[in-house]
Amino acid sequence: MKSAWSMFKSGKKTGRHVLTFGECLKEAWKDERGSYDKAMKMFQLFNLNKQQCESRDAKRNVDTCSMAFMANALTNYYANNRYNGD
């Protein structure tokens, strides 16, 4: 509504014809629909990209392993808190 009023007050013209308030309303709604459609397309692209990244990460995901099985070996290797040349 605000953009329609600003169009009407500025005396927007198409060719030689000055737009009426009704025509300004139609133009304003057309602009708003266009910006909404553009925003929805961007949102859909964002969601598609997000889903692709999640599926890619799920394929790459490897179960984390624990180093607990090496606890005794590491304890023996670093016995007496000294450097063993690794």
PDB file of N, CA and C in Angstrom:
ATOM      1  N   MET A   1       0.826  -1.181   0.000  1.00  0.00           N
ATOM      2  CA  MET A   1       0.000   0.000   0.000  1.00  0.00           C
ATOM      3  C   MET A   1       0.878   1.256   0.000  1.00  0.00           C
ATOM      4  N   LYS A   2       1.962   1.186   0.784  1.00  0.00           N
ATOM      5  CA  LYS A   2       2.858   2.339   0.872  1.00  0.00           C
ATOM      6  C   LYS A   2       3.514   2.637  -0.477  1.00  0.00           C
ATOM      7  N   SER A   3       3.959   1.583  -1.152  1.00  0.00           N
ATOM      8  CA  SER A   3       4.594   1.803  -2.458  1.00  0.00           C
ATOM      9  C   SER A   3       3.574   2.290  -3.484  1.00  0.00           C
ATOM     10  N   ALA A   4       2.322   1.848  -3.366  1.00  0.00           N
ATOM     11  CA  ALA A   4       1.277   2.319  -4.285  1.00  0.00           C
ATOM     12  C   ALA A   4       1.037   3.816  -4.086  1.00  0.00           C
ATOM     13  N   TRP A   5       0.993   4.235  -2.835  1.00  0.00           N
ATOM     14  CA  TRP A   5       0.802   5.662  -2.558  1.00  0.00           C
ATOM     15  C   TRP A   5       1.981   6.477  -3.069  1.00  0.00           C
ATOM     16  N   SER A   6       3.202   5.965  -2.869  1.00  0.00           N
ATOM     17  CA  SER A   6       4.365   6.717  -3.339  1.00  0.00           C
ATOM     18  C   SER A   6       4.374   6.813  -4.862  1.00  0.00           C
ATOM     19  N   MET A   7       3.944   5.733  -5.545  1.00  0.00           N
ATOM     20  CA  MET A   7       3.840   5.792  -7.009  1.00  0.00           C
ATOM     21  C   MET A   7       2.802   6.823  -7.436  1.00  0.00           C
ATOM     22  N   PHE A   8       1.668   6.799  -6.750  1.00  0.00           N
ATOM     23  CA  PHE A   8       0.565   7.694  -7.113  1.00  0.00           C
ATOM     24  C   PHE A   8       0.944   9.157  -6.872  1.00  0.00           C
ATOM     25  N   LYS A   9       1.578   9.417  -5.723  1.00  0.00           N
ATOM     26  CA  LYS A   9       1.945  10.797  -5.379  1.00  0.00           C
ATOM     27  C   LYS A   9       3.039  11.337  -6.293  1.00  0.00           C
ATOM     28  N   SER A  10       3.927  10.450  -6.731  1.00  0.00           N
ATOM     29  CA  SER A  10       4.999  10.915  -7.623  1.00  0.00           C
ATOM     30  C   SER A  10       4.509  11.097  -9.051  1.00  0.00           C
ATOM     31  N   GLY A  11       3.318  10.583  -9.342  1.00  0.00           N
ATOM     32  CA  GLY A  11       2.749  10.742 -10.682  1.00  0.00           C
ATOM     33  C   GLY A  11       3.424   9.846 -11.703  1.00  0.00           C
ATOM     34  N   LYS A  12       3.562   8.566 -11.358  1.00  0.00           N
ATOM     35  CA  LYS A  12       4.220   7.616 -12.257  1.00  0.00           C
ATOM     36  C   LYS A  12       3.492   7.562 -13.592  1.00  0.00           C
ATOM     37  N   LYS A  13       4.276   7.541 -14.635  1.00  0.00           N
ATOM     38  CA  LYS A  13       3.697   7.545 -15.981  1.00  0.00           C
ATOM     39  C   LYS A  13       4.107   6.299 -16.741  1.00  0.00           C
ATOM     40  N   THR A  14       3.228   5.844 -17.614  1.00  0.00           N
ATOM     41  CA  THR A  14       3.568   4.840 -18.606  1.00  0.00           C
ATOM     42  C   THR A  14       3.281   5.484 -19.950  1.00  0.00           C
ATOM     43  N   GLY A  15       4.340   5.861 -20.608  1.00  0.00           N
ATOM     44  CA  GLY A  15       4.155   6.623 -21.849  1.00  0.00           C
ATOM     45  C   GLY A  15       3.675   8.022 -21.499  1.00  0.00           C
ATOM     46  N   ARG A  16       2.503   8.399 -22.031  1.00  0.00           N
ATOM     47  CA  ARG A  16       1.927   9.717 -21.723  1.00  0.00           C
ATOM     48  C   ARG A  16       0.839   9.610 -20.664  1.00  0.00           C
ATOM     49  N   HIS A  17       0.501   8.394 -20.302  1.00  0.00           N
ATOM     50  CA  HIS A  17      -0.605   8.159 -19.374  1.00  0.00           C
ATOM     51  C   HIS A  17      -0.115   8.177 -17.928  1.00  0.00           C
ATOM     52  N   VAL A  18      -0.729   9.012 -17.099  1.00  0.00           N
ATOM     53  CA  VAL A  18      -0.425   9.031 -15.673  1.00  0.00           C
ATOM     54  C   VAL A  18      -1.287   7.955 -15.015  1.00  0.00           C
ATOM     55  N   LEU A  19      -0.657   7.117 -14.193  1.00  0.00           N
ATOM     56  CA  LEU A  19      -1.382   6.001 -13.585  1.00  0.00           C
ATOM     57  C   LEU A  19      -2.373   6.474 -12.532  1.00  0.00           C
ATOM     58  N   THR A  20      -3.533   5.824 -12.512  1.00  0.00           N
ATOM     59  CA  THR A  20      -4.505   6.080 -11.457  1.00  0.00           C
ATOM     60  C   THR A  20      -4.075   5.316 -10.218  1.00  0.00           C
ATOM     61  N   PHE A  21      -4.762   5.577  -9.101  1.00  0.00           N
ATOM     62  CA  PHE A  21      -4.390   4.888  -7.866  1.00  0.00           C
ATOM     63  C   PHE A  21      -4.612   3.383  -7.987  1.00  0.00           C
ATOM     64  N   GLY A  22      -5.670   2.975  -8.660  1.00  0.00           N
ATOM     65  CA  GLY A  22      -5.935   1.547  -8.861  1.00  0.00           C
ATOM     66  C   GLY A  22      -4.827   0.873  -9.656  1.00  0.00           C
ATOM     67  N   GLU A  23      -4.352   1.564 -10.683  1.00  0.00           N
ATOM     68  CA  GLU A  23      -3.259   1.018 -11.481  1.00  0.00           C
ATOM     69  C   GLU A  23      -1.956   0.964 -10.669  1.00  0.00           C
ATOM     70  N   CYS A  24      -1.763   1.978  -9.808  1.00  0.00           N
ATOM     71  CA  CYS A  24      -0.582   1.956  -8.933  1.00  0.00           C
ATOM     72  C   CYS A  24      -0.654   0.786  -7.965  1.00  0.00           C
ATOM     73  N   LEU A  25      -1.865   0.493  -7.459  1.00  0.00           N
ATOM     74  CA  LEU A  25      -2.037  -0.673  -6.578  1.00  0.00           C
ATOM     75  C   LEU A  25      -1.687  -1.961  -7.303  1.00  0.00           C
ATOM     76  N   LYS A  26      -2.142  -2.101  -8.535  1.00  0.00           N
ATOM     77  CA  LYS A  26      -1.833  -3.294  -9.318  1.00  0.00           C
ATOM     78  C   LYS A  26      -0.329  -3.434  -9.521  1.00  0.00           C
ATOM     79  N   GLU A  27       0.337  -2.338  -9.824  1.00  0.00           N
ATOM     80  CA  GLU A  27       1.791  -2.364 -10.016  1.00  0.00           C
ATOM     81  C   GLU A  27       2.503  -2.752  -8.727  1.00  0.00           C
ATOM     82  N   ALA A  28       2.048  -2.182  -7.614  1.00  0.00           N
ATOM     83  CA  ALA A  28       2.679  -2.473  -6.332  1.00  0.00           C
ATOM     84  C   ALA A  28       2.512  -3.951  -5.964  1.00  0.00           C
ATOM     85  N   TRP A  29       1.303  -4.493  -6.188  1.00  0.00           N
ATOM     86  CA  TRP A  29       1.079  -5.910  -5.892  1.00  0.00           C
ATOM     87  C   TRP A  29       1.912  -6.800  -6.800  1.00  0.00           C
ATOM     88  N   LYS A  30       2.044  -6.401  -8.063  1.00  0.00           N
ATOM     89  CA  LYS A  30       2.860  -7.178  -8.997  1.00  0.00           C
ATOM     90  C   LYS A  30       4.326  -7.195  -8.533  1.00  0.00           C
ATOM     91  N   ASP A  31       4.819  -6.056  -8.076  1.00  0.00           N
ATOM     92  CA  ASP A  31       6.189  -5.986  -7.562  1.00  0.00           C
ATOM     93  C   ASP A  31       6.365  -6.862  -6.319  1.00  0.00           C
ATOM     94  N   GLU A  32       5.377  -6.819  -5.421  1.00  0.00           N
ATOM     95  CA  GLU A  32       5.457  -7.622  -4.194  1.00  0.00           C
ATOM     96  C   GLU A  32       5.405  -9.117  -4.499  1.00  0.00           C
ATOM     97  N   ARG A  33       4.550  -9.515  -5.424  1.00  0.00           N
ATOM     98  CA  ARG A  33       4.491 -10.932  -5.811  1.00  0.00           C
ATOM     99  C   ARG A  33       5.815 -11.380  -6.398  1.00  0.00           C
ATOM    100  N   GLY A  34       6.412 -10.523  -7.205  1.00  0.00           N
ATOM    101  CA  GLY A  34       7.709 -10.854  -7.804  1.00  0.00           C
ATOM    102  C   GLY A  34       8.791 -11.015  -6.752  1.00  0.00           C
ATOM    103  N   SER A  35       8.810 -10.126  -5.763  1.00  0.00           N
ATOM    104  CA  SER A  35       9.830 -10.238  -4.712  1.00  0.00           C
ATOM    105  C   SER A  35       9.560 -11.454  -3.831  1.00  0.00           C
ATOM    106  N   TYR A  36       8.288 -11.791  -3.597  1.00  0.00           N
ATOM    107  CA  TYR A  36       7.949 -12.987  -2.818  1.00  0.00           C
ATOM    108  C   TYR A  36       8.380 -14.243  -3.564  1.00  0.00           C
ATOM    109  N   ASP A  37       8.095 -14.291  -4.862  1.00  0.00           N
ATOM    110  CA  ASP A  37       8.491 -15.454  -5.664  1.00  0.00           C
ATOM    111  C   ASP A  37      10.007 -15.619  -5.669  1.00  0.00           C
ATOM    112  N   LYS A  38      10.713 -14.508  -5.781  1.00  0.00           N
ATOM    113  CA  LYS A  38      12.175 -14.559  -5.768  1.00  0.00           C
ATOM    114  C   LYS A  38      12.685 -15.073  -4.419  1.00  0.00           C
ATOM    115  N   ALA A  39      12.081 -14.602  -3.337  1.00  0.00           N
ATOM    116  CA  ALA A  39      12.490 -15.047  -2.001  1.00  0.00           C
ATOM    117  C   ALA A  39      12.200 -16.536  -1.817  1.00  0.00           C
ATOM    118  N   MET A  40      11.060 -17.017  -2.314  1.00  0.00           N
ATOM    119  CA  MET A  40      10.724 -18.434  -2.185  1.00  0.00           C
ATOM    120  C   MET A  40      11.682 -19.304  -2.999  1.00  0.00           C
ATOM    121  N   LYS A  41      12.079 -18.845  -4.179  1.00  0.00           N
ATOM    122  CA  LYS A  41      13.046 -19.600  -4.978  1.00  0.00           C
ATOM    123  C   LYS A  41      14.380 -19.694  -4.257  1.00  0.00           C
ATOM    124  N   MET A  42      14.811 -18.587  -3.653  1.00  0.00           N
ATOM    125  CA  MET A  42      16.065 -18.596  -2.903  1.00  0.00           C
ATOM    126  C   MET A  42      15.967 -19.536  -1.703  1.00  0.00           C
ATOM    127  N   PHE A  43      14.817 -19.536  -1.023  1.00  0.00           N
ATOM    128  CA  PHE A  43      14.605 -20.418   0.121  1.00  0.00           C
ATOM    129  C   PHE A  43      14.648 -21.874  -0.315  1.00  0.00           C
ATOM    130  N   GLN A  44      14.013 -22.191  -1.436  1.00  0.00           N
ATOM    131  CA  GLN A  44      14.021 -23.561  -1.935  1.00  0.00           C
ATOM    132  C   GLN A  44      15.427 -23.988  -2.337  1.00  0.00           C
ATOM    133  N   LEU A  45      16.179 -23.097  -2.971  1.00  0.00           N
ATOM    134  CA  LEU A  45      17.566 -23.415  -3.328  1.00  0.00           C
ATOM    135  C   LEU A  45      18.409 -23.638  -2.083  1.00  0.00           C
ATOM    136  N   PHE A  46      18.180 -22.825  -1.062  1.00  0.00           N
ATOM    137  CA  PHE A  46      18.903 -22.987   0.194  1.00  0.00           C
ATOM    138  C   PHE A  46      18.608 -24.345   0.814  1.00  0.00           C
ATOM    139  N   ASN A  47      17.327 -24.728   0.856  1.00  0.00           N
ATOM    140  CA  ASN A  47      16.955 -26.026   1.423  1.00  0.00           C
ATOM    141  C   ASN A  47      17.519 -27.179   0.598  1.00  0.00           C
ATOM    142  N   LEU A  48      17.504 -27.052  -0.724  1.00  0.00           N
ATOM    143  CA  LEU A  48      18.055 -28.091  -1.586  1.00  0.00           C
ATOM    144  C   LEU A  48      19.548 -28.246  -1.325  1.00  0.00           C
ATOM    145  N   ASN A  49      20.251 -27.129  -1.232  1.00  0.00           N
ATOM    146  CA  ASN A  49      21.683 -27.165  -0.956  1.00  0.00           C
ATOM    147  C   ASN A  49      21.944 -27.780   0.418  1.00  0.00           C
ATOM    148  N   LYS A  50      21.132 -27.431   1.382  1.00  0.00           N
ATOM    149  CA  LYS A  50      21.279 -27.979   2.738  1.00  0.00           C
ATOM    150  C   LYS A  50      21.087 -29.499   2.732  1.00  0.00           C
ATOM    151  N   GLN A  51      20.072 -29.972   2.009  1.00  0.00           N
ATOM    152  CA  GLN A  51      19.820 -31.414   1.932  1.00  0.00           C
ATOM    153  C   GLN A  51      20.960 -32.127   1.223  1.00  0.00           C
ATOM    154  N   GLN A  52      21.487 -31.532   0.175  1.00  0.00           N
ATOM    155  CA  GLN A  52      22.599 -32.149  -0.539  1.00  0.00           C
ATOM    156  C   GLN A  52      23.834 -32.232   0.353  1.00  0.00           C
ATOM    157  N   CYS A  53      24.083 -31.176   1.107  1.00  0.00           N
ATOM    158  CA  CYS A  53      25.238 -31.189   2.016  1.00  0.00           C
ATOM    159  C   CYS A  53      25.060 -32.242   3.103  1.00  0.00           C
ATOM    160  N   GLU A  54      23.847 -32.353   3.649  1.00  0.00           N
ATOM    161  CA  GLU A  54      23.601 -33.355   4.689  1.00  0.00           C
ATOM    162  C   GLU A  54      23.769 -34.772   4.146  1.00  0.00           C
ATOM    163  N   SER A  55      23.268 -35.023   2.937  1.00  0.00           N
ATOM    164  CA  SER A  55      23.404 -36.369   2.380  1.00  0.00           C
ATOM    165  C   SER A  55      24.863 -36.668   2.056  1.00  0.00           C
ATOM    166  N   ARG A  56      25.596 -35.679   1.563  1.00  0.00           N
ATOM    167  CA  ARG A  56      27.013 -35.863   1.288  1.00  0.00           C
ATOM    168  C   ARG A  56      27.785 -36.140   2.577  1.00  0.00           C
ATOM    169  N   ASP A  57      27.463 -35.390   3.626  1.00  0.00           N
ATOM    170  CA  ASP A  57      28.139 -35.606   4.898  1.00  0.00           C
ATOM    171  C   ASP A  57      27.775 -36.961   5.507  1.00  0.00           C
ATOM    172  N   ALA A  58      26.539 -37.404   5.288  1.00  0.00           N
ATOM    173  CA  ALA A  58      26.131 -38.703   5.811  1.00  0.00           C
ATOM    174  C   ALA A  58      26.900 -39.827   5.110  1.00  0.00           C
ATOM    175  N   LYS A  59      27.156 -39.653   3.813  1.00  0.00           N
ATOM    176  CA  LYS A  59      27.923 -40.669   3.083  1.00  0.00           C
ATOM    177  C   LYS A  59      29.378 -40.699   3.541  1.00  0.00           C
ATOM    178  N   ARG A  60      29.910 -39.543   3.875  1.00  0.00           N
ATOM    179  CA  ARG A  60      31.302 -39.459   4.298  1.00  0.00           C
ATOM    180  C   ARG A  60      31.509 -39.848   5.754  1.00  0.00           C
ATOM    181  N   ASN A  61      30.427 -39.844   6.518  1.00  0.00           N
ATOM    182  CA  ASN A  61      30.538 -40.066   7.957  1.00  0.00           C
ATOM    183  C   ASN A  61      31.096 -41.454   8.258  1.00  0.00           C
ATOM    184  N   VAL A  62      32.150 -41.479   9.017  1.00  0.00           N
ATOM    185  CA  VAL A  62      32.755 -42.728   9.443  1.00  0.00           C
ATOM    186  C   VAL A  62      32.569 -42.804  10.952  1.00  0.00           C
ATOM    187  N   ASP A  63      32.211 -43.968  11.445  1.00  0.00           N
ATOM    188  CA  ASP A  63      32.033 -44.104  12.879  1.00  0.00           C
ATOM    189  C   ASP A  63      33.324 -43.750  13.588  1.00  0.00           C
ATOM    190  N   THR A  64      33.171 -43.015  14.651  1.00  0.00           N
ATOM    191  CA  THR A  64      34.359 -42.635  15.415  1.00  0.00           C
ATOM    192  C   THR A  64      34.869 -43.846  16.170  1.00  0.00           C
ATOM    193  N   CYS A  65      36.160 -43.955  16.251  1.00  0.00           N
ATOM    194  CA  CYS A  65      36.726 -45.097  16.951  1.00  0.00           C
ATOM    195  C   CYS A  65      37.335 -44.629  18.266  1.00  0.00           C
ATOM    196  N   SER A  66      37.461 -45.515  19.163  1.00  0.00           N
ATOM    197  CA  SER A  66      37.999 -45.216  20.478  1.00  0.00           C
ATOM    198  C   SER A  66      39.447 -45.681  20.530  1.00  0.00           C
ATOM    199  N   MET A  67      40.244 -44.938  21.259  1.00  0.00           N
ATOM    200  CA  MET A  67      41.644 -45.320  21.441  1.00  0.00           C
ATOM    201  C   MET A  67      41.823 -46.158  22.702  1.00  0.00           C
ATOM    202  N   ALA A  68      40.732 -46.596  23.297  1.00  0.00           N
ATOM    203  CA  ALA A  68      40.816 -47.363  24.540  1.00  0.00           C
ATOM    204  C   ALA A  68      41.572 -48.673  24.343  1.00  0.00           C
ATOM    205  N   PHE A  69      41.485 -49.253  23.144  1.00  0.00           N
ATOM    206  CA  PHE A  69      42.177 -50.519  22.911  1.00  0.00           C
ATOM    207  C   PHE A  69      43.690 -50.347  22.962  1.00  0.00           C
ATOM    208  N   MET A  70      44.167 -49.126  22.817  1.00  0.00           N
ATOM    209  CA  MET A  70      45.608 -48.891  22.852  1.00  0.00           C
ATOM    210  C   MET A  70      46.087 -48.348  24.192  1.00  0.00           C
ATOM    211  N   ALA A  71      45.203 -48.298  25.192  1.00  0.00           N
ATOM    212  CA  ALA A  71      45.562 -47.688  26.468  1.00  0.00           C
ATOM    213  C   ALA A  71      46.769 -48.364  27.100  1.00  0.00           C
ATOM    214  N   ASN A  72      46.793 -49.699  27.116  1.00  0.00           N
ATOM    215  CA  ASN A  72      47.918 -50.405  27.731  1.00  0.00           C
ATOM    216  C   ASN A  72      49.200 -50.170  26.942  1.00  0.00           C
ATOM    217  N   ALA A  73      49.115 -50.177  25.620  1.00  0.00           N
ATOM    218  CA  ALA A  73      50.311 -49.983  24.809  1.00  0.00           C
ATOM    219  C   ALA A  73      50.884 -48.581  25.010  1.00  0.00           C
ATOM    220  N   LEU A  74      50.004 -47.580  25.050  1.00  0.00           N
ATOM    221  CA  LEU A  74      50.469 -46.218  25.247  1.00  0.00           C
ATOM    222  C   LEU A  74      51.033 -46.018  26.639  1.00  0.00           C
ATOM    223  N   THR A  75      50.419 -46.636  27.621  1.00  0.00           N
ATOM    224  CA  THR A  75      50.923 -46.517  28.988  1.00  0.00           C
ATOM    225  C   THR A  75      52.314 -47.135  29.086  1.00  0.00           C
ATOM    226  N   ASN A  76      52.496 -48.276  28.466  1.00  0.00           N
ATOM    227  CA  ASN A  76      53.806 -48.919  28.507  1.00  0.00           C
ATOM    228  C   ASN A  76      54.836 -48.144  27.693  1.00  0.00           C
ATOM    229  N   TYR A  77      54.424 -47.559  26.590  1.00  0.00           N
ATOM    230  CA  TYR A  77      55.347 -46.838  25.721  1.00  0.00           C
ATOM    231  C   TYR A  77      55.867 -45.574  26.396  1.00  0.00           C
ATOM    232  N   TYR A  78      54.968 -44.893  27.085  1.00  0.00           N
ATOM    233  CA  TYR A  78      55.364 -43.655  27.761  1.00  0.00           C
ATOM    234  C   TYR A  78      55.564 -43.892  29.264  1.00  0.00           C
ATOM    235  N   ALA A  79      56.059 -45.014  29.628  1.00  0.00           N
ATOM    236  CA  ALA A  79      56.302 -45.321  31.034  1.00  0.00           C
ATOM    237  C   ALA A  79      57.335 -44.368  31.612  1.00  0.00           C
ATOM    238  N   ASN A  80      57.204 -44.093  32.864  1.00  0.00           N
ATOM    239  CA  ASN A  80      58.119 -43.236  33.617  1.00  0.00           C
ATOM    240  C   ASN A  80      58.194 -41.823  33.069  1.00  0.00           C
ATOM    241  N   ASN A  81      57.191 -41.394  32.315  1.00  0.00           N
ATOM    242  CA  ASN A  81      57.082 -40.024  31.798  1.00  0.00           C
ATOM    243  C   ASN A  81      58.359 -39.554  31.104  1.00  0.00           C
ATOM    244  N   ARG A  82      58.898 -40.353  30.257  1.00  0.00           N
ATOM    245  CA  ARG A  82      60.117 -39.935  29.555  1.00  0.00           C
ATOM    246  C   ARG A  82      59.894 -39.996  28.052  1.00  0.00           C
ATOM    247  N   TYR A  83      60.699 -39.266  27.334  1.00  0.00           N
ATOM    248  CA  TYR A  83      60.626 -39.187  25.882  1.00  0.00           C
ATOM    249  C   TYR A  83      61.279 -40.405  25.272  1.00  0.00           C
ATOM    250  N   ASN A  84      60.566 -41.062  24.333  1.00  0.00           N
ATOM    251  CA  ASN A  84      61.099 -42.297  23.742  1.00  0.00           C
ATOM    252  C   ASN A  84      61.478 -42.119  22.288  1.00  0.00           C
ATOM    253  N   GLY A  85      61.676 -40.908  21.820  1.00  0.00           N
ATOM    254  CA  GLY A  85      62.155 -40.671  20.473  1.00  0.00           C
ATOM    255  C   GLY A  85      61.151 -40.829  19.369  1.00  0.00           C
ATOM    256  N   ASP A  86      59.903 -40.504  19.600  1.00  0.00           N
ATOM    257  CA  ASP A  86      58.932 -40.619  18.521  1.00  0.00           C
ATOM    258  C   ASP A  86      58.915 -39.340  17.805  1.00  0.00           C
TER     259      ASP A  86
END
